Amino acid sequence: MALSRRLTAIASFISKDAVVADIGSDHGLLLRHLLDHGIISTGYGSDNKNGPFRRLQDVFRDEPRVGVYMASGLDMLPDDVDTVVIAGMGGALIAKILEEGRRQLEGIKRIVLGPHNQADIIRKTISTLGLAITKETVIEEDGQFYDIIALEKGKGAYDDTELAWGPHNIKHPNDAFLAKMKARLAEIARIMAQNIPQERRNALQQEKDWIEHYDHHK
């Protein structure tokens, strides 16, 4: 089965020969892709619900290179894992998983995240965890925009604009990132056409001005 654009982008952030734990692995498509393309030689898939866990067991029943386990978040993370993937969830939930699993992350080299939304919450959280963004991109799929973010140990401190849009995205925009900005401008226009508090209007105007200035200089 062909990977979605989102999962393909996540796969591209995985280093060769990494030992990956895919948290909330769902159908195991990412792990299967990484194995079939020789990117990894071993990995793990986990889920915290009985149905998806049993499905993972069935998918990898005859695959000795993949370990499947049932756990919540980063609980029971295998000792040999050096790369963690958390995708297919909201940014607030992913941030919570990272915060609650900070001890389990001590030996992890890279974390790859694919939130469905609220990527800004993740960016706000990582500075408290001794993590920094090393790579990121925006993917457009089925009319939706997705941030893909890679973290490694470091000092991550970002201003409000970088929290909202991503420091690497701002410096190295792709077409999807620019399309996301245009979509946001249209959304701002719709909101400002309504009767909203002046404080909210001022904040939206400031955001609109920044986007237009940025787009003008690209």
N, C-alpha and C. Protein backbone atom coordinates (compact mmCIF):
# COMPACT_ATOMS: atom_id res chain seq x y z
N MET A 1 0.84 -1.20 0.00
CA MET A 1 0.00 0.00 0.00
C MET A 1 0.87 1.25 0.00
N ALA A 2 0.55 2.18 -0.90
CA ALA A 2 1.34 3.41 -1.00
C ALA A 2 1.12 4.29 0.23
N LEU A 3 2.20 4.90 0.68
CA LEU A 3 2.10 5.79 1.84
C LEU A 3 1.46 7.11 1.45
N SER A 4 0.79 7.73 2.38
CA SER A 4 0.28 9.08 2.19
C SER A 4 1.45 10.05 2.11
N ARG A 5 1.19 11.25 1.63
CA ARG A 5 2.26 12.27 1.60
C ARG A 5 2.79 12.53 3.01
N ARG A 6 1.87 12.55 3.97
CA ARG A 6 2.26 12.85 5.35
C ARG A 6 3.22 11.78 5.88
N LEU A 7 2.86 10.52 5.71
CA LEU A 7 3.74 9.45 6.20
C LEU A 7 5.04 9.37 5.40
N THR A 8 4.97 9.69 4.12
CA THR A 8 6.19 9.70 3.30
C THR A 8 7.15 10.77 3.82
N ALA A 9 6.62 11.93 4.18
CA ALA A 9 7.47 13.00 4.72
C ALA A 9 8.07 12.57 6.06
N ILE A 10 7.26 11.93 6.89
CA ILE A 10 7.78 11.44 8.18
C ILE A 10 8.90 10.43 7.95
N ALA A 11 8.69 9.52 7.01
CA ALA A 11 9.71 8.51 6.70
C ALA A 11 11.02 9.16 6.25
N SER A 12 10.91 10.27 5.52
CA SER A 12 12.12 10.95 5.02
C SER A 12 12.93 11.58 6.15
N PHE A 13 12.33 11.74 7.31
CA PHE A 13 13.01 12.32 8.47
C PHE A 13 13.70 11.25 9.33
N ILE A 14 13.55 9.98 8.96
CA ILE A 14 14.14 8.88 9.72
C ILE A 14 15.53 8.58 9.20
N SER A 15 16.51 8.55 10.09
CA SER A 15 17.88 8.28 9.68
C SER A 15 18.08 6.81 9.34
N LYS A 16 18.99 6.55 8.43
CA LYS A 16 19.34 5.19 8.03
C LYS A 16 19.79 4.39 9.26
N ASP A 17 19.25 3.19 9.38
CA ASP A 17 19.60 2.24 10.45
C ASP A 17 19.16 2.69 11.84
N ALA A 18 18.23 3.61 11.90
CA ALA A 18 17.65 3.99 13.19
C ALA A 18 16.85 2.82 13.75
N VAL A 19 16.71 2.79 15.06
CA VAL A 19 15.81 1.83 15.71
C VAL A 19 14.59 2.63 16.16
N VAL A 20 13.49 2.41 15.46
CA VAL A 20 12.32 3.29 15.58
C VAL A 20 11.24 2.67 16.45
N ALA A 21 10.66 3.50 17.31
CA ALA A 21 9.42 3.16 17.99
C ALA A 21 8.33 4.08 17.45
N ASP A 22 7.34 3.49 16.81
CA ASP A 22 6.23 4.26 16.25
C ASP A 22 5.08 4.21 17.26
N ILE A 23 4.87 5.33 17.95
CA ILE A 23 3.88 5.39 19.02
C ILE A 23 2.49 5.64 18.42
N GLY A 24 1.56 4.76 18.71
CA GLY A 24 0.25 4.86 18.07
C GLY A 24 0.36 4.46 16.62
N SER A 25 0.91 3.28 16.38
CA SER A 25 1.34 2.87 15.05
C SER A 25 0.21 2.59 14.07
N ASP A 26 -1.01 2.46 14.58
CA ASP A 26 -2.19 2.25 13.75
C ASP A 26 -2.04 0.98 12.91
N HIS A 27 -2.01 1.10 11.59
CA HIS A 27 -1.91 -0.08 10.73
C HIS A 27 -0.47 -0.52 10.48
N GLY A 28 0.49 0.18 11.05
CA GLY A 28 1.89 -0.20 10.87
C GLY A 28 2.46 0.15 9.51
N LEU A 29 1.79 1.05 8.76
CA LEU A 29 2.24 1.37 7.40
C LEU A 29 3.62 2.01 7.38
N LEU A 30 3.88 2.89 8.34
CA LEU A 30 5.17 3.56 8.37
C LEU A 30 6.30 2.57 8.61
N LEU A 31 6.14 1.70 9.59
CA LEU A 31 7.18 0.70 9.88
C LEU A 31 7.40 -0.22 8.69
N ARG A 32 6.32 -0.65 8.05
CA ARG A 32 6.46 -1.53 6.89
C ARG A 32 7.24 -0.84 5.77
N HIS A 33 6.94 0.43 5.53
CA HIS A 33 7.66 1.20 4.51
C HIS A 33 9.14 1.32 4.85
N LEU A 34 9.45 1.62 6.10
CA LEU A 34 10.84 1.78 6.52
C LEU A 34 11.63 0.48 6.37
N LEU A 35 10.98 -0.63 6.67
CA LEU A 35 11.63 -1.93 6.52
C LEU A 35 11.81 -2.28 5.04
N ASP A 36 10.74 -2.13 4.27
CA ASP A 36 10.78 -2.54 2.86
C ASP A 36 11.78 -1.73 2.04
N HIS A 37 12.04 -0.49 2.47
CA HIS A 37 12.97 0.37 1.74
C HIS A 37 14.38 0.36 2.35
N GLY A 38 14.60 -0.53 3.28
CA GLY A 38 15.94 -0.69 3.85
C GLY A 38 16.41 0.48 4.69
N ILE A 39 15.46 1.30 5.15
CA ILE A 39 15.84 2.45 5.98
C ILE A 39 16.15 1.99 7.40
N ILE A 40 15.37 1.05 7.89
CA ILE A 40 15.62 0.46 9.21
C ILE A 40 15.67 -1.06 9.08
N SER A 41 16.30 -1.70 10.05
CA SER A 41 16.33 -3.16 10.07
C SER A 41 15.56 -3.72 11.25
N THR A 42 15.17 -2.85 12.17
CA THR A 42 14.36 -3.28 13.30
C THR A 42 13.54 -2.10 13.81
N GLY A 43 12.39 -2.39 14.38
CA GLY A 43 11.54 -1.32 14.89
C GLY A 43 10.46 -1.87 15.79
N TYR A 44 9.68 -0.95 16.34
CA TYR A 44 8.62 -1.31 17.28
C TYR A 44 7.37 -0.50 16.97
N GLY A 45 6.23 -1.13 17.17
CA GLY A 45 4.97 -0.44 17.05
C GLY A 45 4.17 -0.60 18.32
N SER A 46 3.54 0.47 18.77
CA SER A 46 2.77 0.39 20.00
C SER A 46 1.42 1.06 19.84
N ASP A 47 0.48 0.67 20.69
CA ASP A 47 -0.80 1.36 20.79
C ASP A 47 -1.34 1.14 22.19
N ASN A 48 -2.21 2.04 22.62
CA ASN A 48 -2.75 1.92 23.98
C ASN A 48 -4.17 1.40 24.02
N LYS A 49 -4.70 1.03 22.85
CA LYS A 49 -6.05 0.48 22.79
C LYS A 49 -6.01 -0.95 22.26
N ASN A 50 -6.88 -1.76 22.78
CA ASN A 50 -6.84 -3.19 22.50
C ASN A 50 -7.03 -3.51 21.03
N GLY A 51 -8.00 -2.84 20.37
CA GLY A 51 -8.26 -3.14 18.96
C GLY A 51 -7.08 -2.86 18.06
N PRO A 52 -6.55 -1.63 18.08
CA PRO A 52 -5.37 -1.33 17.25
C PRO A 52 -4.16 -2.19 17.61
N PHE A 53 -4.01 -2.51 18.90
CA PHE A 53 -2.88 -3.34 19.31
C PHE A 53 -2.98 -4.73 18.68
N ARG A 54 -4.17 -5.33 18.73
CA ARG A 54 -4.36 -6.66 18.12
C ARG A 54 -4.15 -6.61 16.61
N ARG A 55 -4.56 -5.50 16.00
CA ARG A 55 -4.35 -5.34 14.56
C ARG A 55 -2.86 -5.29 14.24
N LEU A 56 -2.10 -4.57 15.06
CA LEU A 56 -0.64 -4.53 14.87
C LEU A 56 -0.04 -5.92 15.02
N GLN A 57 -0.51 -6.66 16.01
CA GLN A 57 -0.02 -8.02 16.20
C GLN A 57 -0.25 -8.86 14.96
N ASP A 58 -1.42 -8.72 14.36
CA ASP A 58 -1.74 -9.48 13.15
C ASP A 58 -0.86 -9.05 11.98
N VAL A 59 -0.68 -7.73 11.84
CA VAL A 59 0.11 -7.21 10.72
C VAL A 59 1.55 -7.72 10.77
N PHE A 60 2.13 -7.76 11.97
CA PHE A 60 3.55 -8.11 12.10
C PHE A 60 3.78 -9.49 12.73
N ARG A 61 2.75 -10.34 12.66
CA ARG A 61 2.85 -11.66 13.28
C ARG A 61 4.03 -12.47 12.74
N ASP A 62 4.27 -12.35 11.45
CA ASP A 62 5.35 -13.12 10.81
C ASP A 62 6.54 -12.24 10.46
N GLU A 63 6.69 -11.14 11.17
CA GLU A 63 7.79 -10.21 10.91
C GLU A 63 8.66 -10.10 12.16
N PRO A 64 9.76 -10.87 12.20
CA PRO A 64 10.61 -10.88 13.40
C PRO A 64 11.35 -9.58 13.66
N ARG A 65 11.40 -8.70 12.66
CA ARG A 65 12.14 -7.45 12.82
C ARG A 65 11.34 -6.38 13.55
N VAL A 66 10.06 -6.63 13.78
CA VAL A 66 9.19 -5.64 14.44
C VAL A 66 8.63 -6.20 15.74
N GLY A 67 8.85 -5.48 16.82
CA GLY A 67 8.25 -5.82 18.10
C GLY A 67 6.99 -5.00 18.31
N VAL A 68 5.94 -5.62 18.78
CA VAL A 68 4.68 -4.95 19.02
C VAL A 68 4.35 -5.02 20.51
N TYR A 69 3.97 -3.88 21.08
CA TYR A 69 3.63 -3.88 22.50
C TYR A 69 2.50 -2.90 22.77
N MET A 70 1.81 -3.13 23.88
CA MET A 70 0.69 -2.28 24.25
C MET A 70 1.12 -1.38 25.39
N ALA A 71 1.02 -0.08 25.18
CA ALA A 71 1.45 0.89 26.19
C ALA A 71 0.82 2.23 25.89
N SER A 72 0.79 3.07 26.90
CA SER A 72 0.31 4.43 26.75
C SER A 72 1.49 5.37 26.57
N GLY A 73 1.47 6.16 25.50
CA GLY A 73 2.54 7.12 25.27
C GLY A 73 3.90 6.47 25.17
N LEU A 74 4.83 6.99 25.97
CA LEU A 74 6.21 6.48 25.93
C LEU A 74 6.49 5.44 27.00
N ASP A 75 5.45 4.95 27.68
CA ASP A 75 5.64 3.88 28.65
C ASP A 75 6.18 2.63 27.95
N MET A 76 7.02 1.90 28.64
CA MET A 76 7.55 0.62 28.16
C MET A 76 8.39 0.76 26.88
N LEU A 77 8.95 1.93 26.66
CA LEU A 77 9.78 2.15 25.47
C LEU A 77 10.99 1.21 25.51
N PRO A 78 11.19 0.38 24.48
CA PRO A 78 12.32 -0.56 24.49
C PRO A 78 13.67 0.15 24.61
N ASP A 79 14.60 -0.50 25.27
CA ASP A 79 15.89 0.13 25.58
C ASP A 79 16.72 0.46 24.35
N ASP A 80 16.57 -0.31 23.27
CA ASP A 80 17.43 -0.09 22.10
C ASP A 80 16.89 0.97 21.14
N VAL A 81 15.74 1.53 21.44
CA VAL A 81 15.15 2.56 20.56
C VAL A 81 15.99 3.84 20.61
N ASP A 82 16.29 4.41 19.44
CA ASP A 82 16.99 5.70 19.40
C ASP A 82 16.18 6.78 18.68
N THR A 83 15.05 6.38 18.05
CA THR A 83 14.21 7.32 17.33
C THR A 83 12.75 7.04 17.65
N VAL A 84 12.04 8.09 18.03
CA VAL A 84 10.63 7.96 18.36
C VAL A 84 9.80 8.73 17.34
N VAL A 85 8.74 8.11 16.86
CA VAL A 85 7.79 8.76 15.96
C VAL A 85 6.44 8.84 16.66
N ILE A 86 5.86 10.03 16.69
CA ILE A 86 4.51 10.21 17.20
C ILE A 86 3.74 11.01 16.17
N ALA A 87 2.75 10.40 15.55
CA ALA A 87 2.01 11.06 14.48
C ALA A 87 0.54 10.65 14.55
N GLY A 88 -0.28 11.38 13.79
CA GLY A 88 -1.69 11.04 13.73
C GLY A 88 -2.50 11.47 14.93
N MET A 89 -1.96 12.40 15.72
CA MET A 89 -2.66 12.92 16.90
C MET A 89 -2.60 14.44 16.87
N GLY A 90 -3.39 15.06 17.74
CA GLY A 90 -3.34 16.50 17.87
C GLY A 90 -2.08 16.95 18.56
N GLY A 91 -1.67 18.19 18.32
CA GLY A 91 -0.45 18.71 18.90
C GLY A 91 -0.47 18.75 20.42
N ALA A 92 -1.63 19.06 21.00
CA ALA A 92 -1.73 19.12 22.47
C ALA A 92 -1.48 17.75 23.09
N LEU A 93 -2.03 16.71 22.47
CA LEU A 93 -1.83 15.35 22.99
C LEU A 93 -0.37 14.93 22.83
N ILE A 94 0.23 15.25 21.68
CA ILE A 94 1.64 14.90 21.48
C ILE A 94 2.52 15.61 22.49
N ALA A 95 2.24 16.89 22.75
CA ALA A 95 3.01 17.64 23.75
C ALA A 95 2.88 17.00 25.13
N LYS A 96 1.68 16.54 25.45
CA LYS A 96 1.45 15.87 26.74
C LYS A 96 2.25 14.57 26.83
N ILE A 97 2.27 13.81 25.75
CA ILE A 97 3.03 12.55 25.72
C ILE A 97 4.51 12.83 25.94
N LEU A 98 5.04 13.87 25.30
CA LEU A 98 6.45 14.22 25.46
C LEU A 98 6.74 14.65 26.90
N GLU A 99 5.86 15.46 27.47
CA GLU A 99 6.08 15.92 28.84
C GLU A 99 6.03 14.77 29.83
N GLU A 100 5.05 13.89 29.68
CA GLU A 100 4.91 12.77 30.61
C GLU A 100 6.01 11.72 30.41
N GLY A 101 6.61 11.70 29.22
CA GLY A 101 7.64 10.69 28.94
C GLY A 101 9.04 11.25 28.90
N ARG A 102 9.26 12.41 29.53
CA ARG A 102 10.57 13.06 29.42
C ARG A 102 11.72 12.16 29.89
N ARG A 103 11.48 11.35 30.91
CA ARG A 103 12.54 10.44 31.39
C ARG A 103 12.87 9.38 30.35
N GLN A 104 11.86 8.88 29.67
CA GLN A 104 12.09 7.86 28.65
C GLN A 104 12.81 8.42 27.43
N LEU A 105 12.81 9.75 27.29
CA LEU A 105 13.43 10.37 26.12
C LEU A 105 14.92 10.64 26.31
N GLU A 106 15.44 10.37 27.48
CA GLU A 106 16.83 10.73 27.78
C GLU A 106 17.83 10.08 26.82
N GLY A 107 17.58 8.85 26.40
CA GLY A 107 18.52 8.18 25.51
C GLY A 107 18.14 8.23 24.04
N ILE A 108 17.15 9.05 23.72
CA ILE A 108 16.64 9.11 22.34
C ILE A 108 17.40 10.17 21.55
N LYS A 109 17.83 9.82 20.35
CA LYS A 109 18.58 10.73 19.50
C LYS A 109 17.67 11.68 18.71
N ARG A 110 16.55 11.16 18.22
CA ARG A 110 15.68 11.98 17.37
C ARG A 110 14.22 11.64 17.64
N ILE A 111 13.39 12.66 17.61
CA ILE A 111 11.94 12.51 17.73
C ILE A 111 11.32 13.12 16.50
N VAL A 112 10.46 12.38 15.82
CA VAL A 112 9.79 12.87 14.62
C VAL A 112 8.29 12.93 14.89
N LEU A 113 7.72 14.10 14.70
CA LEU A 113 6.33 14.34 15.05
C LEU A 113 5.51 14.74 13.82
N GLY A 114 4.30 14.23 13.77
CA GLY A 114 3.39 14.59 12.68
C GLY A 114 2.02 14.92 13.23
N PRO A 115 1.88 16.07 13.91
CA PRO A 115 0.59 16.42 14.50
C PRO A 115 -0.45 16.76 13.44
N HIS A 116 -1.72 16.46 13.75
CA HIS A 116 -2.81 16.85 12.86
C HIS A 116 -3.08 18.34 12.95
N ASN A 117 -2.74 18.94 14.10
CA ASN A 117 -3.01 20.36 14.32
C ASN A 117 -2.17 20.83 15.52
N GLN A 118 -2.28 22.08 15.85
CA GLN A 118 -1.67 22.65 17.06
C GLN A 118 -0.15 22.39 17.16
N ALA A 119 0.53 22.51 16.04
CA ALA A 119 1.99 22.35 16.08
C ALA A 119 2.64 23.40 16.96
N ASP A 120 1.97 24.56 17.11
CA ASP A 120 2.52 25.62 17.95
C ASP A 120 2.64 25.18 19.41
N ILE A 121 1.72 24.35 19.87
CA ILE A 121 1.78 23.86 21.26
C ILE A 121 3.01 22.99 21.45
N ILE A 122 3.33 22.19 20.46
CA ILE A 122 4.54 21.37 20.53
C ILE A 122 5.77 22.26 20.61
N ARG A 123 5.82 23.27 19.76
CA ARG A 123 7.00 24.15 19.74
C ARG A 123 7.16 24.89 21.07
N LYS A 124 6.04 25.23 21.71
CA LYS A 124 6.11 25.89 23.01
C LYS A 124 6.63 24.93 24.08
N THR A 125 6.30 23.67 23.96
CA THR A 125 6.61 22.68 24.99
C THR A 125 8.06 22.25 24.97
N ILE A 126 8.67 22.17 23.79
CA ILE A 126 9.97 21.52 23.70
C ILE A 126 11.07 22.26 24.45
N SER A 127 10.93 23.57 24.61
CA SER A 127 11.97 24.33 25.31
C SER A 127 12.11 23.88 26.76
N THR A 128 11.04 23.33 27.34
CA THR A 128 11.08 22.85 28.72
C THR A 128 11.63 21.44 28.81
N LEU A 129 11.86 20.80 27.67
CA LEU A 129 12.30 19.41 27.65
C LEU A 129 13.73 19.24 27.17
N GLY A 130 14.44 20.34 26.95
CA GLY A 130 15.81 20.25 26.46
C GLY A 130 15.90 19.77 25.03
N LEU A 131 14.89 20.15 24.22
CA LEU A 131 14.84 19.73 22.83
C LEU A 131 14.79 20.94 21.91
N ALA A 132 15.25 20.74 20.68
CA ALA A 132 15.23 21.80 19.68
C ALA A 132 14.80 21.23 18.34
N ILE A 133 14.20 22.07 17.53
CA ILE A 133 13.79 21.66 16.18
C ILE A 133 15.01 21.64 15.28
N THR A 134 15.27 20.52 14.65
CA THR A 134 16.40 20.40 13.74
C THR A 134 15.98 20.35 12.27
N LYS A 135 14.70 20.04 12.06
CA LYS A 135 14.21 19.93 10.69
C LYS A 135 12.68 19.98 10.74
N GLU A 136 12.07 20.60 9.75
CA GLU A 136 10.61 20.61 9.68
C GLU A 136 10.17 20.92 8.27
N THR A 137 8.93 20.58 7.98
CA THR A 137 8.36 20.89 6.68
C THR A 137 6.85 20.94 6.82
N VAL A 138 6.19 21.40 5.79
CA VAL A 138 4.73 21.42 5.73
C VAL A 138 4.29 20.58 4.54
N ILE A 139 3.30 19.74 4.76
CA ILE A 139 2.75 18.89 3.71
C ILE A 139 1.28 19.24 3.51
N GLU A 140 0.86 19.34 2.26
CA GLU A 140 -0.56 19.53 1.96
C GLU A 140 -1.13 18.23 1.42
N GLU A 141 -2.20 17.78 2.03
CA GLU A 141 -2.81 16.51 1.62
C GLU A 141 -4.32 16.59 1.81
N ASP A 142 -5.04 16.32 0.74
CA ASP A 142 -6.51 16.33 0.79
C ASP A 142 -7.06 17.64 1.36
N GLY A 143 -6.43 18.74 0.97
CA GLY A 143 -6.91 20.04 1.39
C GLY A 143 -6.53 20.44 2.80
N GLN A 144 -5.72 19.62 3.48
CA GLN A 144 -5.28 19.91 4.83
C GLN A 144 -3.77 20.13 4.84
N PHE A 145 -3.30 20.93 5.80
CA PHE A 145 -1.87 21.19 5.95
C PHE A 145 -1.36 20.50 7.21
N TYR A 146 -0.23 19.84 7.08
CA TYR A 146 0.36 19.12 8.20
C TYR A 146 1.81 19.55 8.40
N ASP A 147 2.17 19.83 9.64
CA ASP A 147 3.56 20.10 9.99
C ASP A 147 4.25 18.80 10.35
N ILE A 148 5.44 18.58 9.80
CA ILE A 148 6.28 17.46 10.18
C ILE A 148 7.52 18.06 10.85
N ILE A 149 7.81 17.62 12.07
CA ILE A 149 8.84 18.26 12.89
C ILE A 149 9.79 17.21 13.44
N ALA A 150 11.09 17.46 13.30
CA ALA A 150 12.11 16.60 13.90
C ALA A 150 12.78 17.34 15.06
N LEU A 151 12.93 16.65 16.17
CA LEU A 151 13.55 17.23 17.36
C LEU A 151 14.78 16.42 17.76
N GLU A 152 15.77 17.13 18.27
CA GLU A 152 16.93 16.49 18.88
C GLU A 152 17.30 17.29 20.12
N LYS A 153 18.21 16.76 20.91
CA LYS A 153 18.60 17.47 22.13
C LYS A 153 19.24 18.81 21.77
N GLY A 154 18.86 19.83 22.51
CA GLY A 154 19.38 21.16 22.25
C GLY A 154 18.53 22.20 22.95
N LYS A 155 18.86 23.44 22.72
CA LYS A 155 18.15 24.54 23.35
C LYS A 155 17.19 25.14 22.35
N GLY A 156 15.90 24.88 22.55
CA GLY A 156 14.90 25.39 21.63
C GLY A 156 14.11 26.52 22.24
N ALA A 157 14.38 27.73 21.82
CA ALA A 157 13.63 28.91 22.29
C ALA A 157 13.22 29.72 21.07
N TYR A 158 11.93 29.94 20.90
CA TYR A 158 11.43 30.55 19.68
C TYR A 158 10.49 31.71 19.99
N ASP A 159 10.50 32.71 19.11
CA ASP A 159 9.58 33.83 19.30
C ASP A 159 8.18 33.42 18.85
N ASP A 160 7.22 34.32 19.03
CA ASP A 160 5.82 33.98 18.76
C ASP A 160 5.57 33.58 17.31
N THR A 161 6.25 34.25 16.40
CA THR A 161 6.07 33.93 14.98
C THR A 161 6.65 32.56 14.67
N GLU A 162 7.80 32.25 15.23
CA GLU A 162 8.41 30.94 15.02
C GLU A 162 7.58 29.84 15.66
N LEU A 163 6.97 30.13 16.80
CA LEU A 163 6.09 29.14 17.43
C LEU A 163 4.89 28.84 16.53
N ALA A 164 4.36 29.87 15.91
CA ALA A 164 3.18 29.70 15.07
C ALA A 164 3.48 29.00 13.75
N TRP A 165 4.61 29.35 13.13
CA TRP A 165 4.88 28.90 11.77
C TRP A 165 6.06 27.95 11.64
N GLY A 166 6.94 27.94 12.63
CA GLY A 166 8.10 27.07 12.58
C GLY A 166 9.34 27.79 12.10
N PRO A 167 10.43 27.78 12.88
CA PRO A 167 11.62 28.54 12.50
C PRO A 167 12.26 28.09 11.20
N HIS A 168 12.28 26.79 10.95
CA HIS A 168 12.88 26.29 9.71
C HIS A 168 11.96 26.53 8.52
N ASN A 169 10.66 26.44 8.74
CA ASN A 169 9.72 26.73 7.65
C ASN A 169 9.84 28.18 7.19
N ILE A 170 10.01 29.08 8.14
CA ILE A 170 10.13 30.49 7.80
C ILE A 170 11.40 30.75 6.98
N LYS A 171 12.49 30.09 7.36
CA LYS A 171 13.76 30.29 6.64
C LYS A 171 13.79 29.55 5.31
N HIS A 172 13.13 28.41 5.25
CA HIS A 172 13.19 27.58 4.04
C HIS A 172 11.78 27.14 3.65
N PRO A 173 10.97 28.07 3.17
CA PRO A 173 9.57 27.75 2.86
C PRO A 173 9.43 26.87 1.63
N ASN A 174 8.49 25.92 1.69
CA ASN A 174 8.15 25.17 0.48
C ASN A 174 6.78 25.64 -0.01
N ASP A 175 6.32 25.07 -1.11
CA ASP A 175 5.07 25.52 -1.71
C ASP A 175 3.89 25.31 -0.76
N ALA A 176 3.89 24.21 -0.03
CA ALA A 176 2.79 23.93 0.89
C ALA A 176 2.76 24.95 2.03
N PHE A 177 3.92 25.36 2.49
CA PHE A 177 3.99 26.37 3.55
C PHE A 177 3.40 27.70 3.05
N LEU A 178 3.75 28.10 1.84
CA LEU A 178 3.23 29.35 1.29
C LEU A 178 1.72 29.25 1.05
N ALA A 179 1.26 28.06 0.63
CA ALA A 179 -0.18 27.86 0.45
C ALA A 179 -0.91 27.91 1.79
N LYS A 180 -0.27 27.40 2.83
CA LYS A 180 -0.85 27.46 4.17
C LYS A 180 -1.01 28.92 4.61
N MET A 181 -0.03 29.74 4.29
CA MET A 181 -0.12 31.16 4.63
C MET A 181 -1.28 31.83 3.91
N LYS A 182 -1.46 31.52 2.63
CA LYS A 182 -2.56 32.11 1.87
C LYS A 182 -3.91 31.67 2.44
N ALA A 183 -3.98 30.41 2.84
CA ALA A 183 -5.21 29.91 3.44
C ALA A 183 -5.49 30.62 4.76
N ARG A 184 -4.45 30.89 5.50
CA ARG A 184 -4.62 31.60 6.77
C ARG A 184 -5.09 33.04 6.54
N LEU A 185 -4.57 33.69 5.51
CA LEU A 185 -5.02 35.04 5.19
C LEU A 185 -6.51 35.05 4.87
N ALA A 186 -6.97 34.06 4.13
CA ALA A 186 -8.40 33.97 3.81
C ALA A 186 -9.23 33.74 5.07
N GLU A 187 -8.70 32.92 5.97
CA GLU A 187 -9.39 32.66 7.23
C GLU A 187 -9.46 33.92 8.09
N ILE A 188 -8.37 34.66 8.13
CA ILE A 188 -8.34 35.92 8.90
C ILE A 188 -9.38 36.89 8.34
N ALA A 189 -9.47 36.98 7.02
CA ALA A 189 -10.44 37.88 6.40
C ALA A 189 -11.87 37.51 6.80
N ARG A 190 -12.17 36.23 6.83
CA ARG A 190 -13.51 35.78 7.22
C ARG A 190 -13.81 36.14 8.68
N ILE A 191 -12.81 35.96 9.54
CA ILE A 191 -13.01 36.25 10.96
C ILE A 191 -13.20 37.75 11.18
N MET A 192 -12.36 38.55 10.49
CA MET A 192 -12.42 40.00 10.69
C MET A 192 -13.68 40.63 10.11
N ALA A 193 -14.36 39.91 9.23
CA ALA A 193 -15.62 40.40 8.68
C ALA A 193 -16.76 40.29 9.70
N GLN A 194 -16.49 39.57 10.80
CA GLN A 194 -17.51 39.37 11.83
C GLN A 194 -17.34 40.43 12.93
N ASN A 195 -18.29 40.47 13.80
CA ASN A 195 -18.24 41.39 14.94
C ASN A 195 -17.44 40.73 16.07
N ILE A 196 -16.17 41.09 16.16
CA ILE A 196 -15.28 40.47 17.14
C ILE A 196 -14.69 41.55 18.04
N PRO A 197 -14.22 41.18 19.24
CA PRO A 197 -13.63 42.17 20.15
C PRO A 197 -12.42 42.86 19.51
N GLN A 198 -12.21 44.12 19.86
CA GLN A 198 -11.13 44.91 19.26
C GLN A 198 -9.77 44.28 19.52
N GLU A 199 -9.59 43.72 20.71
CA GLU A 199 -8.30 43.09 21.04
C GLU A 199 -8.00 41.94 20.08
N ARG A 200 -9.02 41.14 19.81
CA ARG A 200 -8.87 40.03 18.86
C ARG A 200 -8.61 40.57 17.46
N ARG A 201 -9.31 41.61 17.08
CA ARG A 201 -9.12 42.22 15.76
C ARG A 201 -7.69 42.73 15.59
N ASN A 202 -7.16 43.36 16.64
CA ASN A 202 -5.79 43.90 16.58
C ASN A 202 -4.77 42.79 16.39
N ALA A 203 -4.99 41.68 17.10
CA ALA A 203 -4.06 40.54 17.00
C ALA A 203 -4.09 39.94 15.60
N LEU A 204 -5.30 39.83 15.04
CA LEU A 204 -5.43 39.28 13.69
C LEU A 204 -4.81 40.22 12.66
N GLN A 205 -4.98 41.51 12.85
CA GLN A 205 -4.38 42.48 11.93
C GLN A 205 -2.87 42.39 11.95
N GLN A 206 -2.32 42.21 13.15
CA GLN A 206 -0.87 42.07 13.28
C GLN A 206 -0.38 40.81 12.57
N GLU A 207 -1.12 39.73 12.74
CA GLU A 207 -0.75 38.48 12.06
C GLU A 207 -0.86 38.65 10.55
N LYS A 208 -1.93 39.29 10.09
CA LYS A 208 -2.15 39.53 8.67
C LYS A 208 -1.00 40.36 8.08
N ASP A 209 -0.60 41.40 8.79
CA ASP A 209 0.49 42.26 8.32
C ASP A 209 1.78 41.47 8.18
N TRP A 210 2.05 40.61 9.15
CA TRP A 210 3.30 39.82 9.09
C TRP A 210 3.29 38.88 7.89
N ILE A 211 2.18 38.17 7.69
CA ILE A 211 2.10 37.22 6.59
C ILE A 211 2.27 37.94 5.25
N GLU A 212 1.57 39.07 5.09
CA GLU A 212 1.66 39.80 3.82
C GLU A 212 3.06 40.34 3.59
N HIS A 213 3.72 40.80 4.65
CA HIS A 213 5.08 41.30 4.52
C HIS A 213 6.03 40.15 4.16
N TYR A 214 5.84 39.01 4.81
CA TYR A 214 6.68 37.84 4.53
C TYR A 214 6.50 37.39 3.09
N ASP A 215 5.23 37.25 2.67
CA ASP A 215 4.93 36.76 1.33
C ASP A 215 5.47 37.72 0.27
N HIS A 216 5.42 39.01 0.56
CA HIS A 216 5.91 40.02 -0.37
C HIS A 216 7.42 39.89 -0.61
N HIS A 217 8.13 39.42 0.39
CA HIS A 217 9.59 39.34 0.30
C HIS A 217 10.07 37.97 -0.17
N LYS A 218 9.16 37.07 -0.53
CA LYS A 218 9.56 35.76 -1.02
C LYS A 218 9.48 35.66 -2.52
